[in-house]
Amino acid sequence: MEEREPYSSSPEFGLLDRFGAFLRLRRQEIRLTQRELAERLDVTDVYISRIELGKSLPSRRLVGPLASALEME
């Protein structure tokens, strides 16, 4: 599978992909594992992985806690 650049403007790199790439980069910047982030949000690391892979968006209830966990407030 070909590696894609984060935030690519190509049509196949959509909103879910861009958000997932951003989430992964920010999580890595603050040195959290997927498991650590998941524990802070009371979700599974599989859920975090699905978001980072562009397979899912976070639920509305997670938007605020996710911003806090990623130190974006």
C-alpha atoms as a PDB file:
ATOM      1  CA  MET A   1       0.000   0.000   0.000  1.00  0.00           C
ATOM      2  CA  GLU A   2       1.342   3.408  -0.965  1.00  0.00           C
ATOM      3  CA  GLU A   3       2.130   5.810   1.881  1.00  0.00           C
ATOM      4  CA  ARG A   4       0.269   9.125   1.671  1.00  0.00           C
ATOM      5  CA  GLU A   5       1.402  12.475   2.988  1.00  0.00           C
ATOM      6  CA  PRO A   6      -0.697  13.946   5.814  1.00  0.00           C
ATOM      7  CA  TYR A   7      -3.013  16.748   4.722  1.00  0.00           C
ATOM      8  CA  SER A   8      -2.674  15.817   1.043  1.00  0.00           C
ATOM      9  CA  SER A   9      -4.974  17.738  -1.290  1.00  0.00           C
ATOM     10  CA  SER A  10      -5.609  14.704  -3.505  1.00  0.00           C
ATOM     11  CA  PRO A  11      -9.307  13.776  -3.852  1.00  0.00           C
ATOM     12  CA  GLU A  12      -8.904  10.343  -2.280  1.00  0.00           C
ATOM     13  CA  PHE A  13      -7.470  11.925   0.872  1.00  0.00           C
ATOM     14  CA  GLY A  14     -10.704  13.146   2.439  1.00  0.00           C
ATOM     15  CA  LEU A  15     -11.834  14.744   5.665  1.00  0.00           C
ATOM     16  CA  LEU A  16     -11.618  11.529   7.695  1.00  0.00           C
ATOM     17  CA  ASP A  17      -8.072  10.895   6.487  1.00  0.00           C
ATOM     18  CA  ARG A  18      -6.940  14.455   7.207  1.00  0.00           C
ATOM     19  CA  PHE A  19      -8.507  14.491  10.668  1.00  0.00           C
ATOM     20  CA  GLY A  20      -6.984  11.099  11.454  1.00  0.00           C
ATOM     21  CA  ALA A  21      -3.542  12.225  10.303  1.00  0.00           C
ATOM     22  CA  PHE A  22      -3.827  15.392  12.392  1.00  0.00           C
ATOM     23  CA  LEU A  23      -4.906  13.410  15.458  1.00  0.00           C
ATOM     24  CA  ARG A  24      -2.005  10.968  15.090  1.00  0.00           C
ATOM     25  CA  LEU A  25       0.564  13.755  14.655  1.00  0.00           C
ATOM     26  CA  ARG A  26      -0.746  15.728  17.624  1.00  0.00           C
ATOM     27  CA  ARG A  27      -0.886  12.601  19.815  1.00  0.00           C
ATOM     28  CA  GLN A  28       2.711  11.794  18.896  1.00  0.00           C
ATOM     29  CA  GLU A  29       3.821  15.400  19.531  1.00  0.00           C
ATOM     30  CA  ILE A  30       2.637  15.174  23.124  1.00  0.00           C
ATOM     31  CA  ARG A  31       4.087  11.673  23.422  1.00  0.00           C
ATOM     32  CA  LEU A  32       0.908   9.717  24.092  1.00  0.00           C
ATOM     33  CA  THR A  33       0.271   6.181  22.931  1.00  0.00           C
ATOM     34  CA  GLN A  34      -3.106   5.272  21.475  1.00  0.00           C
ATOM     35  CA  ARG A  35      -3.797   3.346  24.677  1.00  0.00           C
ATOM     36  CA  GLU A  36      -2.943   6.336  26.904  1.00  0.00           C
ATOM     37  CA  LEU A  37      -5.184   8.638  24.872  1.00  0.00           C
ATOM     38  CA  ALA A  38      -7.967   6.053  24.939  1.00  0.00           C
ATOM     39  CA  GLU A  39      -7.714   5.761  28.726  1.00  0.00           C
ATOM     40  CA  ARG A  40      -7.996   9.536  29.111  1.00  0.00           C
ATOM     41  CA  LEU A  41     -11.162   9.480  26.997  1.00  0.00           C
ATOM     42  CA  ASP A  42     -12.642   6.270  28.432  1.00  0.00           C
ATOM     43  CA  VAL A  43     -12.711   4.613  24.999  1.00  0.00           C
ATOM     44  CA  THR A  44     -10.743   1.736  23.476  1.00  0.00           C
ATOM     45  CA  ASP A  45      -7.423   2.034  21.710  1.00  0.00           C
ATOM     46  CA  VAL A  46      -9.127   0.331  18.746  1.00  0.00           C
ATOM     47  CA  TYR A  47     -11.516   3.302  18.524  1.00  0.00           C
ATOM     48  CA  ILE A  48      -8.568   5.736  18.529  1.00  0.00           C
ATOM     49  CA  SER A  49      -6.888   3.646  15.830  1.00  0.00           C
ATOM     50  CA  ARG A  50     -10.029   3.737  13.656  1.00  0.00           C
ATOM     51  CA  ILE A  51     -10.137   7.530  13.948  1.00  0.00           C
ATOM     52  CA  GLU A  52      -6.445   7.869  13.074  1.00  0.00           C
ATOM     53  CA  LEU A  53      -6.875   5.557  10.081  1.00  0.00           C
ATOM     54  CA  GLY A  54      -9.747   7.648   8.734  1.00  0.00           C
ATOM     55  CA  LYS A  55     -12.344   4.957   9.382  1.00  0.00           C
ATOM     56  CA  SER A  56     -14.378   6.944  11.924  1.00  0.00           C
ATOM     57  CA  LEU A  57     -14.875  10.396  13.422  1.00  0.00           C
ATOM     58  CA  PRO A  58     -15.055  10.976  17.172  1.00  0.00           C
ATOM     59  CA  SER A  59     -18.526  11.169  18.665  1.00  0.00           C
ATOM     60  CA  ARG A  60     -19.876  14.569  19.684  1.00  0.00           C
ATOM     61  CA  ARG A  61     -19.414  13.730  23.358  1.00  0.00           C
ATOM     62  CA  LEU A  62     -15.675  13.280  22.740  1.00  0.00           C
ATOM     63  CA  VAL A  63     -14.943  16.559  20.970  1.00  0.00           C
ATOM     64  CA  GLY A  64     -14.300  18.595  24.135  1.00  0.00           C
ATOM     65  CA  PRO A  65     -12.467  15.842  26.034  1.00  0.00           C
ATOM     66  CA  LEU A  66     -10.377  15.063  22.940  1.00  0.00           C
ATOM     67  CA  ALA A  67      -9.280  18.701  22.643  1.00  0.00           C
ATOM     68  CA  SER A  68      -8.352  18.688  26.343  1.00  0.00           C
ATOM     69  CA  ALA A  69      -6.484  15.375  26.120  1.00  0.00           C
ATOM     70  CA  LEU A  70      -4.507  16.692  23.138  1.00  0.00           C
ATOM     71  CA  GLU A  71      -3.736  19.909  25.063  1.00  0.00           C
ATOM     72  CA  MET A  72      -5.446  22.082  22.471  1.00  0.00           C
ATOM     73  CA  GLU A  73      -7.527  24.323  24.698  1.00  0.00           C
END
